[in-house]
């Protein structure tokens, strides 16, 4: 899990001004909140479509045939269903208010993968005034055991960094993945 967080940290730019992400938790649940400098419809496109994910989350996003699933990877050359891909399933998409998904396959070696397959992630978007969106990311379903605690620890930081990258996407524009990935 540390390897995945380290990779995520390498892919994230150092923001000029890091937007604050608030994090709260309850048993089995993490809640991250941030204000994104764009209207809800634009933010929804970024979090609710495969094309949108490519602009901020991962360089590789592709559909899984005949399903509501999609595959992502930090490796743009990852083979379909390869060991470094993540498969997600859309649960609900109600533009421009909510997007829910869950992971159905983790990358090879992901710690506590079985426990993580029960976690559901939901983006809730509300207008924030002056072309801004209040975005709440609720991840729930972490088990009440050591695996759940480890996963919550990982995603407490990982989700915070991801939401800062989403914010940065609306400040600087879509991520230029070839340049980002060619950095030493």
C-alpha atoms as a PDB file:
ATOM      1  CA  UNK A   1       0.000   0.000   0.000  1.00  0.00           C
ATOM      2  CA  UNK A   2       2.904   2.346   0.706  1.00  0.00           C
ATOM      3  CA  UNK A   3       4.167   1.709  -2.831  1.00  0.00           C
ATOM      4  CA  UNK A   4       0.817   2.847  -4.264  1.00  0.00           C
ATOM      5  CA  UNK A   5       0.790   5.971  -2.097  1.00  0.00           C
ATOM      6  CA  UNK A   6       4.378   6.734  -3.110  1.00  0.00           C
ATOM      7  CA  UNK A   7       3.387   6.409  -6.790  1.00  0.00           C
ATOM      8  CA  UNK A   8       0.403   8.692  -6.226  1.00  0.00           C
ATOM      9  CA  UNK A   9       2.663  11.252  -4.547  1.00  0.00           C
ATOM     10  CA  UNK A  10       5.082  11.159  -7.483  1.00  0.00           C
ATOM     11  CA  UNK A  11       2.263  11.772  -9.941  1.00  0.00           C
ATOM     12  CA  UNK A  12       0.847  14.728  -8.051  1.00  0.00           C
ATOM     13  CA  UNK A  13       2.261  18.150  -8.829  1.00  0.00           C
ATOM     14  CA  UNK A  14       3.260  20.437  -6.034  1.00  0.00           C
ATOM     15  CA  UNK A  15       0.313  22.829  -6.049  1.00  0.00           C
ATOM     16  CA  UNK A  16       1.020  26.538  -6.011  1.00  0.00           C
ATOM     17  CA  UNK A  17      -1.624  26.941  -3.334  1.00  0.00           C
ATOM     18  CA  UNK A  18      -2.842  23.708  -1.786  1.00  0.00           C
ATOM     19  CA  UNK A  19      -6.593  23.848  -1.382  1.00  0.00           C
ATOM     20  CA  UNK A  20      -7.645  22.686   2.057  1.00  0.00           C
ATOM     21  CA  UNK A  21      -9.363  19.324   2.239  1.00  0.00           C
ATOM     22  CA  UNK A  22     -11.255  18.627   5.441  1.00  0.00           C
ATOM     23  CA  UNK A  23     -11.403  15.041   6.604  1.00  0.00           C
ATOM     24  CA  UNK A  24     -13.799  13.550   9.128  1.00  0.00           C
ATOM     25  CA  UNK A  25     -14.393   9.959  10.005  1.00  0.00           C
ATOM     26  CA  UNK A  26     -16.877   7.699  11.669  1.00  0.00           C
ATOM     27  CA  UNK A  27     -16.755   3.936  12.132  1.00  0.00           C
ATOM     28  CA  UNK A  28     -16.252   2.445   8.673  1.00  0.00           C
ATOM     29  CA  UNK A  29     -16.461   5.801   6.867  1.00  0.00           C
ATOM     30  CA  UNK A  30     -14.228   8.627   5.669  1.00  0.00           C
ATOM     31  CA  UNK A  31     -15.572  11.987   4.499  1.00  0.00           C
ATOM     32  CA  UNK A  32     -13.332  14.366   2.523  1.00  0.00           C
ATOM     33  CA  UNK A  33     -14.573  17.836   1.516  1.00  0.00           C
ATOM     34  CA  UNK A  34     -13.136  20.536  -0.721  1.00  0.00           C
ATOM     35  CA  UNK A  35     -14.306  23.529  -2.734  1.00  0.00           C
ATOM     36  CA  UNK A  36     -13.538  23.215  -6.449  1.00  0.00           C
ATOM     37  CA  UNK A  37     -13.307  26.428  -8.531  1.00  0.00           C
ATOM     38  CA  UNK A  38     -15.773  25.335 -11.223  1.00  0.00           C
ATOM     39  CA  UNK A  39     -19.539  24.924 -11.566  1.00  0.00           C
ATOM     40  CA  UNK A  40     -21.085  21.573 -10.535  1.00  0.00           C
ATOM     41  CA  UNK A  41     -21.749  20.450 -14.126  1.00  0.00           C
ATOM     42  CA  UNK A  42     -18.036  20.750 -14.999  1.00  0.00           C
ATOM     43  CA  UNK A  43     -16.902  19.042 -11.800  1.00  0.00           C
ATOM     44  CA  UNK A  44     -19.437  16.271 -12.384  1.00  0.00           C
ATOM     45  CA  UNK A  45     -17.961  15.656 -15.846  1.00  0.00           C
ATOM     46  CA  UNK A  46     -14.526  15.281 -14.225  1.00  0.00           C
ATOM     47  CA  UNK A  47     -15.660  12.757 -11.606  1.00  0.00           C
ATOM     48  CA  UNK A  48     -18.564  11.099 -13.419  1.00  0.00           C
ATOM     49  CA  UNK A  49     -17.073  10.180 -16.800  1.00  0.00           C
ATOM     50  CA  UNK A  50     -14.084   8.197 -18.005  1.00  0.00           C
ATOM     51  CA  UNK A  51     -12.991  11.141 -20.135  1.00  0.00           C
ATOM     52  CA  UNK A  52     -13.131  13.355 -17.066  1.00  0.00           C
ATOM     53  CA  UNK A  53     -11.013  10.988 -14.962  1.00  0.00           C
ATOM     54  CA  UNK A  54      -8.272  11.191 -17.625  1.00  0.00           C
ATOM     55  CA  UNK A  55      -8.038  14.949 -17.019  1.00  0.00           C
ATOM     56  CA  UNK A  56      -6.972  14.612 -13.385  1.00  0.00           C
ATOM     57  CA  UNK A  57      -6.976  11.114 -11.836  1.00  0.00           C
ATOM     58  CA  UNK A  58      -5.069   8.619 -14.006  1.00  0.00           C
ATOM     59  CA  UNK A  59      -3.573   8.560 -17.488  1.00  0.00           C
ATOM     60  CA  UNK A  60      -5.301   5.302 -18.416  1.00  0.00           C
ATOM     61  CA  UNK A  61      -9.081   4.964 -18.211  1.00  0.00           C
ATOM     62  CA  UNK A  62     -10.950   2.569 -20.471  1.00  0.00           C
ATOM     63  CA  UNK A  63     -14.338   0.882 -20.600  1.00  0.00           C
ATOM     64  CA  UNK A  64     -14.793  -2.775 -19.766  1.00  0.00           C
ATOM     65  CA  UNK A  65     -16.929  -4.261 -22.556  1.00  0.00           C
ATOM     66  CA  UNK A  66     -20.646  -4.743 -22.007  1.00  0.00           C
ATOM     67  CA  UNK A  67     -20.694  -3.459 -18.439  1.00  0.00           C
ATOM     68  CA  UNK A  68     -20.870  -0.407 -16.184  1.00  0.00           C
ATOM     69  CA  UNK A  69     -17.223  -1.008 -15.331  1.00  0.00           C
ATOM     70  CA  UNK A  70     -14.088   0.824 -16.270  1.00  0.00           C
ATOM     71  CA  UNK A  71     -10.422   0.168 -15.769  1.00  0.00           C
ATOM     72  CA  UNK A  72      -7.766   2.615 -14.621  1.00  0.00           C
ATOM     73  CA  UNK A  73      -4.012   2.552 -14.178  1.00  0.00           C
ATOM     74  CA  UNK A  74      -1.183   4.915 -13.361  1.00  0.00           C
ATOM     75  CA  UNK A  75       0.695   3.055 -16.118  1.00  0.00           C
ATOM     76  CA  UNK A  76      -0.575   4.372 -19.485  1.00  0.00           C
ATOM     77  CA  UNK A  77       0.682   1.199 -21.194  1.00  0.00           C
ATOM     78  CA  UNK A  78      -1.048  -1.258 -18.839  1.00  0.00           C
ATOM     79  CA  UNK A  79      -2.563  -4.299 -20.539  1.00  0.00           C
ATOM     80  CA  UNK A  80      -6.314  -4.861 -20.181  1.00  0.00           C
ATOM     81  CA  UNK A  81      -6.982  -6.653 -16.869  1.00  0.00           C
ATOM     82  CA  UNK A  82      -3.241  -6.497 -16.207  1.00  0.00           C
ATOM     83  CA  UNK A  83      -1.652  -6.719 -12.763  1.00  0.00           C
ATOM     84  CA  UNK A  84      -1.310  -2.935 -12.433  1.00  0.00           C
ATOM     85  CA  UNK A  85      -4.881  -2.044 -13.349  1.00  0.00           C
ATOM     86  CA  UNK A  86      -7.829  -1.199 -11.131  1.00  0.00           C
ATOM     87  CA  UNK A  87     -11.373  -2.046 -12.157  1.00  0.00           C
ATOM     88  CA  UNK A  88     -14.201   0.213 -10.995  1.00  0.00           C
ATOM     89  CA  UNK A  89     -17.956  -0.104 -11.366  1.00  0.00           C
ATOM     90  CA  UNK A  90     -20.330   2.826 -11.649  1.00  0.00           C
ATOM     91  CA  UNK A  91     -23.144   2.326  -9.135  1.00  0.00           C
ATOM     92  CA  UNK A  92     -25.033   5.563  -9.729  1.00  0.00           C
ATOM     93  CA  UNK A  93     -24.484   8.730 -11.735  1.00  0.00           C
ATOM     94  CA  UNK A  94     -26.962  11.552 -11.299  1.00  0.00           C
ATOM     95  CA  UNK A  95     -25.569  14.605 -13.095  1.00  0.00           C
ATOM     96  CA  UNK A  96     -24.673  17.084 -11.713  1.00  0.00           C
ATOM     97  CA  UNK A  97     -25.306  15.961  -8.120  1.00  0.00           C
ATOM     98  CA  UNK A  98     -23.771  12.571  -7.339  1.00  0.00           C
ATOM     99  CA  UNK A  99     -21.494   9.831  -8.605  1.00  0.00           C
ATOM    100  CA  UNK A 100     -21.048   6.498  -6.824  1.00  0.00           C
ATOM    101  CA  UNK A 101     -18.648   3.715  -7.685  1.00  0.00           C
ATOM    102  CA  UNK A 102     -16.826   0.812  -6.134  1.00  0.00           C
ATOM    103  CA  UNK A 103     -13.661  -1.085  -6.898  1.00  0.00           C
ATOM    104  CA  UNK A 104     -14.254  -4.561  -8.288  1.00  0.00           C
ATOM    105  CA  UNK A 105     -10.585  -5.499  -8.856  1.00  0.00           C
ATOM    106  CA  UNK A 106      -7.471  -4.067  -7.253  1.00  0.00           C
ATOM    107  CA  UNK A 107      -3.933  -4.045  -8.622  1.00  0.00           C
ATOM    108  CA  UNK A 108      -1.803  -7.080  -7.878  1.00  0.00           C
ATOM    109  CA  UNK A 109      -0.414  -7.001  -4.351  1.00  0.00           C
ATOM    110  CA  UNK A 110      -2.861  -4.397  -3.021  1.00  0.00           C
ATOM    111  CA  UNK A 111      -3.063  -5.012   0.742  1.00  0.00           C
ATOM    112  CA  UNK A 112      -6.485  -5.950   2.117  1.00  0.00           C
ATOM    113  CA  UNK A 113      -7.985  -6.133  -1.372  1.00  0.00           C
ATOM    114  CA  UNK A 114     -10.878  -8.365  -0.294  1.00  0.00           C
ATOM    115  CA  UNK A 115     -11.909  -5.856   2.374  1.00  0.00           C
ATOM    116  CA  UNK A 116     -11.610  -2.931  -0.038  1.00  0.00           C
ATOM    117  CA  UNK A 117     -14.018  -4.483  -2.536  1.00  0.00           C
ATOM    118  CA  UNK A 118     -16.820  -3.693  -0.040  1.00  0.00           C
ATOM    119  CA  UNK A 119     -16.063   0.039   0.056  1.00  0.00           C
ATOM    120  CA  UNK A 120     -18.344   2.388  -1.885  1.00  0.00           C
ATOM    121  CA  UNK A 121     -17.170   5.866  -2.907  1.00  0.00           C
ATOM    122  CA  UNK A 122     -19.696   8.646  -3.489  1.00  0.00           C
ATOM    123  CA  UNK A 123     -19.028  12.143  -4.770  1.00  0.00           C
ATOM    124  CA  UNK A 124     -21.714  14.607  -3.669  1.00  0.00           C
ATOM    125  CA  UNK A 125     -21.673  17.982  -5.442  1.00  0.00           C
ATOM    126  CA  UNK A 126     -23.486  21.134  -4.376  1.00  0.00           C
ATOM    127  CA  UNK A 127     -23.210  24.650  -5.784  1.00  0.00           C
ATOM    128  CA  UNK A 128     -20.704  26.737  -3.861  1.00  0.00           C
ATOM    129  CA  UNK A 129     -21.519  30.133  -5.364  1.00  0.00           C
ATOM    130  CA  UNK A 130     -19.499  32.151  -7.884  1.00  0.00           C
ATOM    131  CA  UNK A 131     -18.795  29.167 -10.169  1.00  0.00           C
ATOM    132  CA  UNK A 132     -17.596  26.953  -7.348  1.00  0.00           C
ATOM    133  CA  UNK A 133     -18.638  23.500  -6.216  1.00  0.00           C
ATOM    134  CA  UNK A 134     -18.594  22.063  -2.728  1.00  0.00           C
ATOM    135  CA  UNK A 135     -17.494  18.477  -3.253  1.00  0.00           C
ATOM    136  CA  UNK A 136     -17.908  15.812  -0.584  1.00  0.00           C
ATOM    137  CA  UNK A 137     -16.333  12.398  -1.099  1.00  0.00           C
ATOM    138  CA  UNK A 138     -17.824   9.776   1.203  1.00  0.00           C
ATOM    139  CA  UNK A 139     -16.137   6.372   1.282  1.00  0.00           C
ATOM    140  CA  UNK A 140     -18.001   3.844   3.379  1.00  0.00           C
ATOM    141  CA  UNK A 141     -17.967   0.149   4.080  1.00  0.00           C
ATOM    142  CA  UNK A 142     -14.527  -0.198   5.652  1.00  0.00           C
ATOM    143  CA  UNK A 143     -14.605  -3.221   7.973  1.00  0.00           C
ATOM    144  CA  UNK A 144     -14.221  -2.761  11.719  1.00  0.00           C
ATOM    145  CA  UNK A 145     -10.941  -4.648  11.994  1.00  0.00           C
ATOM    146  CA  UNK A 146      -7.218  -4.255  11.329  1.00  0.00           C
ATOM    147  CA  UNK A 147      -7.720  -4.389   7.542  1.00  0.00           C
ATOM    148  CA  UNK A 148     -10.333  -1.620   7.724  1.00  0.00           C
ATOM    149  CA  UNK A 149      -8.066   0.522   9.897  1.00  0.00           C
ATOM    150  CA  UNK A 150      -5.161   0.079   7.458  1.00  0.00           C
ATOM    151  CA  UNK A 151      -7.347   0.922   4.468  1.00  0.00           C
ATOM    152  CA  UNK A 152      -8.789   3.991   6.191  1.00  0.00           C
ATOM    153  CA  UNK A 153      -5.273   5.170   7.009  1.00  0.00           C
ATOM    154  CA  UNK A 154      -4.206   4.776   3.390  1.00  0.00           C
ATOM    155  CA  UNK A 155      -7.274   6.466   1.895  1.00  0.00           C
ATOM    156  CA  UNK A 156      -7.358   9.244   4.500  1.00  0.00           C
ATOM    157  CA  UNK A 157      -4.221  10.592   2.815  1.00  0.00           C
ATOM    158  CA  UNK A 158      -4.738   9.174  -0.689  1.00  0.00           C
ATOM    159  CA  UNK A 159      -8.195  10.709  -1.096  1.00  0.00           C
ATOM    160  CA  UNK A 160      -6.954  14.031   0.269  1.00  0.00           C
ATOM    161  CA  UNK A 161      -4.192  14.114  -2.340  1.00  0.00           C
ATOM    162  CA  UNK A 162      -6.584  13.051  -5.100  1.00  0.00           C
ATOM    163  CA  UNK A 163      -9.034  15.850  -4.275  1.00  0.00           C
ATOM    164  CA  UNK A 164      -6.199  18.370  -4.266  1.00  0.00           C
ATOM    165  CA  UNK A 165      -5.244  17.110  -7.727  1.00  0.00           C
ATOM    166  CA  UNK A 166      -8.867  17.493  -8.864  1.00  0.00           C
ATOM    167  CA  UNK A 167      -8.813  21.064  -7.563  1.00  0.00           C
ATOM    168  CA  UNK A 168      -5.533  21.707  -9.391  1.00  0.00           C
ATOM    169  CA  UNK A 169      -7.070  20.382 -12.618  1.00  0.00           C
ATOM    170  CA  UNK A 170      -9.547  23.278 -12.511  1.00  0.00           C
ATOM    171  CA  UNK A 171      -6.844  25.816 -11.636  1.00  0.00           C
ATOM    172  CA  UNK A 172      -4.221  24.780 -14.228  1.00  0.00           C
ATOM    173  CA  UNK A 173      -6.208  22.718 -16.734  1.00  0.00           C
ATOM    174  CA  UNK A 174      -6.113  18.993 -17.467  1.00  0.00           C
ATOM    175  CA  UNK A 175      -3.050  17.020 -16.441  1.00  0.00           C
ATOM    176  CA  UNK A 176      -0.497  16.605 -19.242  1.00  0.00           C
ATOM    177  CA  UNK A 177       0.200  12.945 -18.522  1.00  0.00           C
ATOM    178  CA  UNK A 178       3.119  12.443 -20.961  1.00  0.00           C
ATOM    179  CA  UNK A 179       4.993  15.352 -19.364  1.00  0.00           C
ATOM    180  CA  UNK A 180       4.025  14.343 -15.838  1.00  0.00           C
ATOM    181  CA  UNK A 181       5.125  10.746 -16.335  1.00  0.00           C
ATOM    182  CA  UNK A 182       8.424  11.682 -17.995  1.00  0.00           C
ATOM    183  CA  UNK A 183       9.592  13.684 -14.959  1.00  0.00           C
ATOM    184  CA  UNK A 184      12.611  12.201 -13.173  1.00  0.00           C
END
